[in-house]
Amino acid sequence: MSSRNMRLTPAQRNSSVLISQTLFESKKLNRTLTIDQLIAWVIERINKNVELNVEYFEIVDDVHLIPIHSWDEHNDKVGCIAVKVGNIRLIDNIRYNS
């Protein structure tokens, strides 16, 4: 648990759980949605919570950390996200295997 999490209010802490929940659910949707569709789905789902505001969510190549545009590109993929919760910036990531 990051020290930033300790600065969240109880309500913000409860809301921030949606970030990891959404990332885990996105693993089930990978390859059923395009990369762009999955990115839009993650951002929309998290931003529905008024406590949360996605700064970015990108799916990148796990070796070079370059954004990818197709599930067929080489290497494993990693979803990287930054979300503002009040004035706190939380970051997380999740691995999508090829």
N, C-alpha and C. Protein backbone atom coordinates (compact mmCIF):
# COMPACT_ATOMS: atom_id res chain seq x y z
N MET A 1 0.85 -1.18 0.00
CA MET A 1 0.00 0.00 0.00
C MET A 1 0.89 1.25 0.00
N SER A 2 0.67 2.09 -0.97
CA SER A 2 1.47 3.30 -1.12
C SER A 2 1.17 4.29 0.00
N SER A 3 2.16 5.11 0.33
CA SER A 3 1.94 6.15 1.34
C SER A 3 0.89 7.15 0.86
N ARG A 4 0.76 7.27 -0.48
CA ARG A 4 -0.29 8.18 -1.01
C ARG A 4 -1.68 7.71 -0.60
N ASN A 5 -1.87 6.40 -0.51
CA ASN A 5 -3.18 5.87 -0.11
C ASN A 5 -3.56 6.32 1.29
N MET A 6 -2.57 6.53 2.13
CA MET A 6 -2.85 6.94 3.50
C MET A 6 -3.38 8.37 3.56
N ARG A 7 -3.16 9.16 2.50
CA ARG A 7 -3.64 10.54 2.46
C ARG A 7 -5.08 10.64 1.94
N LEU A 8 -5.64 9.52 1.50
CA LEU A 8 -7.02 9.53 0.99
C LEU A 8 -8.01 9.54 2.15
N THR A 9 -9.15 10.17 1.92
CA THR A 9 -10.24 10.10 2.90
C THR A 9 -10.82 8.68 2.83
N PRO A 10 -11.59 8.28 3.84
CA PRO A 10 -12.22 6.96 3.76
C PRO A 10 -13.08 6.79 2.49
N ALA A 11 -13.82 7.82 2.11
CA ALA A 11 -14.65 7.73 0.90
C ALA A 11 -13.78 7.59 -0.34
N GLN A 12 -12.69 8.34 -0.41
CA GLN A 12 -11.78 8.24 -1.56
C GLN A 12 -11.12 6.87 -1.61
N ARG A 13 -10.77 6.34 -0.46
CA ARG A 13 -10.15 5.01 -0.39
C ARG A 13 -11.12 3.96 -0.91
N ASN A 14 -12.38 4.06 -0.51
CA ASN A 14 -13.40 3.13 -1.01
C ASN A 14 -13.56 3.25 -2.52
N SER A 15 -13.58 4.47 -3.02
CA SER A 15 -13.73 4.69 -4.46
C SER A 15 -12.53 4.17 -5.24
N SER A 16 -11.35 4.32 -4.69
CA SER A 16 -10.14 3.95 -5.42
C SER A 16 -10.03 2.45 -5.68
N VAL A 17 -10.78 1.65 -4.94
CA VAL A 17 -10.80 0.20 -5.18
C VAL A 17 -11.28 -0.10 -6.60
N LEU A 18 -12.11 0.79 -7.15
CA LEU A 18 -12.62 0.61 -8.50
C LEU A 18 -11.49 0.55 -9.54
N ILE A 19 -10.37 1.18 -9.26
CA ILE A 19 -9.26 1.18 -10.21
C ILE A 19 -8.76 -0.25 -10.43
N SER A 20 -8.38 -0.93 -9.36
CA SER A 20 -7.87 -2.29 -9.52
C SER A 20 -8.96 -3.25 -9.98
N GLN A 21 -10.19 -3.07 -9.50
CA GLN A 21 -11.29 -3.93 -9.96
C GLN A 21 -11.46 -3.82 -11.47
N THR A 22 -11.42 -2.60 -11.98
CA THR A 22 -11.59 -2.38 -13.42
C THR A 22 -10.44 -2.99 -14.20
N LEU A 23 -9.22 -2.84 -13.71
CA LEU A 23 -8.08 -3.43 -14.40
C LEU A 23 -8.19 -4.95 -14.45
N PHE A 24 -8.58 -5.57 -13.35
CA PHE A 24 -8.74 -7.03 -13.34
C PHE A 24 -9.85 -7.47 -14.29
N GLU A 25 -10.95 -6.74 -14.31
CA GLU A 25 -12.03 -7.06 -15.24
C GLU A 25 -11.61 -6.87 -16.69
N SER A 26 -10.74 -5.89 -16.94
CA SER A 26 -10.29 -5.64 -18.31
C SER A 26 -9.51 -6.83 -18.86
N LYS A 27 -8.87 -7.61 -17.99
CA LYS A 27 -8.16 -8.81 -18.46
C LYS A 27 -9.12 -9.79 -19.11
N LYS A 28 -10.35 -9.85 -18.62
CA LYS A 28 -11.35 -10.75 -19.19
C LYS A 28 -11.83 -10.26 -20.55
N LEU A 29 -11.71 -8.96 -20.79
CA LEU A 29 -12.19 -8.38 -22.05
C LEU A 29 -11.11 -8.27 -23.10
N ASN A 30 -9.84 -8.44 -22.70
CA ASN A 30 -8.78 -8.31 -23.69
C ASN A 30 -9.00 -9.34 -24.78
N ARG A 31 -8.75 -8.96 -25.96
CA ARG A 31 -8.93 -9.75 -27.18
C ARG A 31 -10.38 -9.87 -27.62
N THR A 32 -11.36 -9.54 -26.76
CA THR A 32 -12.74 -9.46 -27.24
C THR A 32 -13.05 -8.04 -27.69
N LEU A 33 -12.25 -7.09 -27.21
CA LEU A 33 -12.34 -5.69 -27.64
C LEU A 33 -11.02 -5.32 -28.29
N THR A 34 -11.05 -4.33 -29.17
CA THR A 34 -9.79 -3.81 -29.69
C THR A 34 -9.08 -3.06 -28.57
N ILE A 35 -7.82 -2.75 -28.79
CA ILE A 35 -7.06 -1.98 -27.80
C ILE A 35 -7.77 -0.66 -27.50
N ASP A 36 -8.17 0.06 -28.56
CA ASP A 36 -8.83 1.36 -28.37
C ASP A 36 -10.15 1.21 -27.63
N GLN A 37 -10.91 0.16 -27.93
CA GLN A 37 -12.18 -0.07 -27.23
C GLN A 37 -11.93 -0.38 -25.76
N LEU A 38 -10.92 -1.18 -25.47
CA LEU A 38 -10.63 -1.52 -24.08
C LEU A 38 -10.17 -0.29 -23.30
N ILE A 39 -9.34 0.52 -23.91
CA ILE A 39 -8.89 1.76 -23.26
C ILE A 39 -10.10 2.64 -22.93
N ALA A 40 -10.99 2.82 -23.90
CA ALA A 40 -12.18 3.64 -23.69
C ALA A 40 -13.06 3.05 -22.59
N TRP A 41 -13.21 1.74 -22.57
CA TRP A 41 -14.04 1.07 -21.56
C TRP A 41 -13.48 1.32 -20.16
N VAL A 42 -12.17 1.15 -19.98
CA VAL A 42 -11.54 1.35 -18.67
C VAL A 42 -11.73 2.79 -18.21
N ILE A 43 -11.42 3.74 -19.09
CA ILE A 43 -11.53 5.16 -18.72
C ILE A 43 -12.97 5.52 -18.37
N GLU A 44 -13.90 5.10 -19.19
CA GLU A 44 -15.31 5.42 -18.95
C GLU A 44 -15.80 4.83 -17.63
N ARG A 45 -15.45 3.59 -17.37
CA ARG A 45 -15.91 2.91 -16.15
C ARG A 45 -15.37 3.61 -14.91
N ILE A 46 -14.10 3.96 -14.91
CA ILE A 46 -13.51 4.61 -13.73
C ILE A 46 -14.04 6.03 -13.58
N ASN A 47 -14.16 6.76 -14.68
CA ASN A 47 -14.61 8.15 -14.60
C ASN A 47 -16.08 8.29 -14.21
N LYS A 48 -16.85 7.20 -14.24
CA LYS A 48 -18.24 7.27 -13.77
C LYS A 48 -18.31 7.55 -12.28
N ASN A 49 -17.24 7.23 -11.56
CA ASN A 49 -17.18 7.54 -10.14
C ASN A 49 -16.72 8.99 -9.98
N VAL A 50 -17.52 9.82 -9.34
CA VAL A 50 -17.22 11.25 -9.24
C VAL A 50 -15.94 11.54 -8.45
N GLU A 51 -15.48 10.59 -7.66
CA GLU A 51 -14.25 10.77 -6.88
C GLU A 51 -13.00 10.57 -7.73
N LEU A 52 -13.15 9.95 -8.92
CA LEU A 52 -12.00 9.52 -9.71
C LEU A 52 -11.94 10.24 -11.04
N ASN A 53 -10.71 10.52 -11.50
CA ASN A 53 -10.51 11.15 -12.81
C ASN A 53 -9.24 10.55 -13.45
N VAL A 54 -9.44 9.78 -14.52
CA VAL A 54 -8.32 9.13 -15.18
C VAL A 54 -7.46 10.18 -15.88
N GLU A 55 -6.17 10.21 -15.57
CA GLU A 55 -5.22 11.06 -16.29
C GLU A 55 -4.82 10.37 -17.59
N TYR A 56 -4.52 9.09 -17.50
CA TYR A 56 -4.22 8.32 -18.70
C TYR A 56 -4.39 6.83 -18.42
N PHE A 57 -4.69 6.09 -19.46
CA PHE A 57 -4.62 4.63 -19.46
C PHE A 57 -4.10 4.23 -20.82
N GLU A 58 -2.97 3.55 -20.84
CA GLU A 58 -2.34 3.10 -22.07
C GLU A 58 -2.02 1.62 -21.96
N ILE A 59 -2.08 0.94 -23.06
CA ILE A 59 -1.62 -0.44 -23.13
C ILE A 59 -0.33 -0.41 -23.94
N VAL A 60 0.74 -0.91 -23.32
CA VAL A 60 2.07 -0.77 -23.89
C VAL A 60 2.75 -2.12 -24.02
N ASP A 61 3.75 -2.16 -24.88
CA ASP A 61 4.64 -3.30 -25.03
C ASP A 61 5.44 -3.43 -23.74
N ASP A 62 5.53 -4.64 -23.19
CA ASP A 62 6.19 -4.79 -21.89
C ASP A 62 7.71 -4.65 -21.93
N VAL A 63 8.29 -4.64 -23.11
CA VAL A 63 9.74 -4.50 -23.22
C VAL A 63 10.14 -3.05 -23.40
N HIS A 64 9.48 -2.36 -24.35
CA HIS A 64 9.87 -1.00 -24.69
C HIS A 64 8.94 0.07 -24.11
N LEU A 65 7.83 -0.36 -23.52
CA LEU A 65 6.82 0.53 -22.94
C LEU A 65 6.27 1.53 -23.97
N ILE A 66 6.18 1.09 -25.20
CA ILE A 66 5.62 1.90 -26.29
C ILE A 66 4.16 1.50 -26.46
N PRO A 67 3.25 2.49 -26.56
CA PRO A 67 1.84 2.14 -26.77
C PRO A 67 1.66 1.24 -27.98
N ILE A 68 0.79 0.25 -27.82
CA ILE A 68 0.49 -0.66 -28.92
C ILE A 68 -0.91 -0.39 -29.45
N HIS A 69 -1.18 -0.89 -30.64
CA HIS A 69 -2.47 -0.63 -31.27
C HIS A 69 -3.18 -1.90 -31.70
N SER A 70 -2.56 -3.06 -31.45
CA SER A 70 -3.14 -4.33 -31.83
C SER A 70 -2.71 -5.40 -30.84
N TRP A 71 -3.61 -6.32 -30.53
CA TRP A 71 -3.27 -7.43 -29.65
C TRP A 71 -2.24 -8.35 -30.31
N ASP A 72 -2.11 -8.27 -31.64
CA ASP A 72 -1.20 -9.16 -32.37
C ASP A 72 0.25 -8.69 -32.34
N GLU A 73 0.51 -7.52 -31.82
CA GLU A 73 1.88 -7.04 -31.76
C GLU A 73 2.69 -7.93 -30.80
N HIS A 74 3.99 -7.96 -31.00
CA HIS A 74 4.87 -8.85 -30.24
C HIS A 74 4.93 -8.50 -28.77
N ASN A 75 5.41 -9.44 -28.02
CA ASN A 75 5.64 -9.31 -26.58
C ASN A 75 4.33 -9.27 -25.79
N ASP A 76 4.48 -9.35 -24.49
CA ASP A 76 3.33 -9.20 -23.62
C ASP A 76 2.96 -7.73 -23.54
N LYS A 77 1.76 -7.48 -23.06
CA LYS A 77 1.26 -6.11 -22.97
C LYS A 77 1.01 -5.76 -21.51
N VAL A 78 1.16 -4.46 -21.20
CA VAL A 78 0.92 -3.97 -19.85
C VAL A 78 -0.01 -2.77 -19.94
N GLY A 79 -1.07 -2.78 -19.14
CA GLY A 79 -1.95 -1.62 -19.03
C GLY A 79 -1.43 -0.74 -17.91
N CYS A 80 -1.17 0.52 -18.22
CA CYS A 80 -0.63 1.48 -17.24
C CYS A 80 -1.64 2.61 -17.05
N ILE A 81 -1.94 2.91 -15.80
CA ILE A 81 -2.98 3.90 -15.52
C ILE A 81 -2.52 4.87 -14.43
N ALA A 82 -2.97 6.11 -14.54
CA ALA A 82 -2.82 7.11 -13.50
C ALA A 82 -4.19 7.75 -13.29
N VAL A 83 -4.60 7.85 -12.04
CA VAL A 83 -5.93 8.36 -11.70
C VAL A 83 -5.78 9.38 -10.58
N LYS A 84 -6.42 10.53 -10.75
CA LYS A 84 -6.47 11.52 -9.68
C LYS A 84 -7.66 11.20 -8.78
N VAL A 85 -7.39 11.17 -7.50
CA VAL A 85 -8.42 10.98 -6.48
C VAL A 85 -8.27 12.19 -5.58
N GLY A 86 -9.14 13.18 -5.78
CA GLY A 86 -8.93 14.46 -5.11
C GLY A 86 -7.64 15.05 -5.64
N ASN A 87 -6.70 15.39 -4.74
CA ASN A 87 -5.42 15.92 -5.19
C ASN A 87 -4.30 14.87 -5.13
N ILE A 88 -4.69 13.61 -4.96
CA ILE A 88 -3.74 12.50 -4.89
C ILE A 88 -3.72 11.79 -6.25
N ARG A 89 -2.53 11.47 -6.73
CA ARG A 89 -2.38 10.76 -8.00
C ARG A 89 -1.98 9.32 -7.70
N LEU A 90 -2.85 8.38 -8.10
CA LEU A 90 -2.58 6.96 -7.91
C LEU A 90 -2.19 6.34 -9.24
N ILE A 91 -1.21 5.45 -9.22
CA ILE A 91 -0.80 4.74 -10.42
C ILE A 91 -0.93 3.24 -10.19
N ASP A 92 -1.16 2.51 -11.27
CA ASP A 92 -1.29 1.06 -11.19
C ASP A 92 -0.98 0.49 -12.57
N ASN A 93 -0.83 -0.81 -12.64
CA ASN A 93 -0.63 -1.45 -13.93
C ASN A 93 -1.10 -2.90 -13.84
N ILE A 94 -1.30 -3.48 -15.01
CA ILE A 94 -1.72 -4.88 -15.09
C ILE A 94 -1.11 -5.49 -16.34
N ARG A 95 -0.74 -6.75 -16.24
CA ARG A 95 -0.11 -7.45 -17.38
C ARG A 95 -1.18 -8.21 -18.15
N TYR A 96 -1.16 -8.01 -19.49
CA TYR A 96 -1.99 -8.77 -20.41
C TYR A 96 -1.05 -9.70 -21.16
N ASN A 97 -1.19 -11.00 -20.99
CA ASN A 97 -0.30 -11.94 -21.67
C ASN A 97 -0.73 -12.16 -23.10
N SER A 98 0.25 -12.41 -23.96
CA SER A 98 -0.04 -12.68 -25.37
C SER A 98 -0.71 -14.02 -25.53
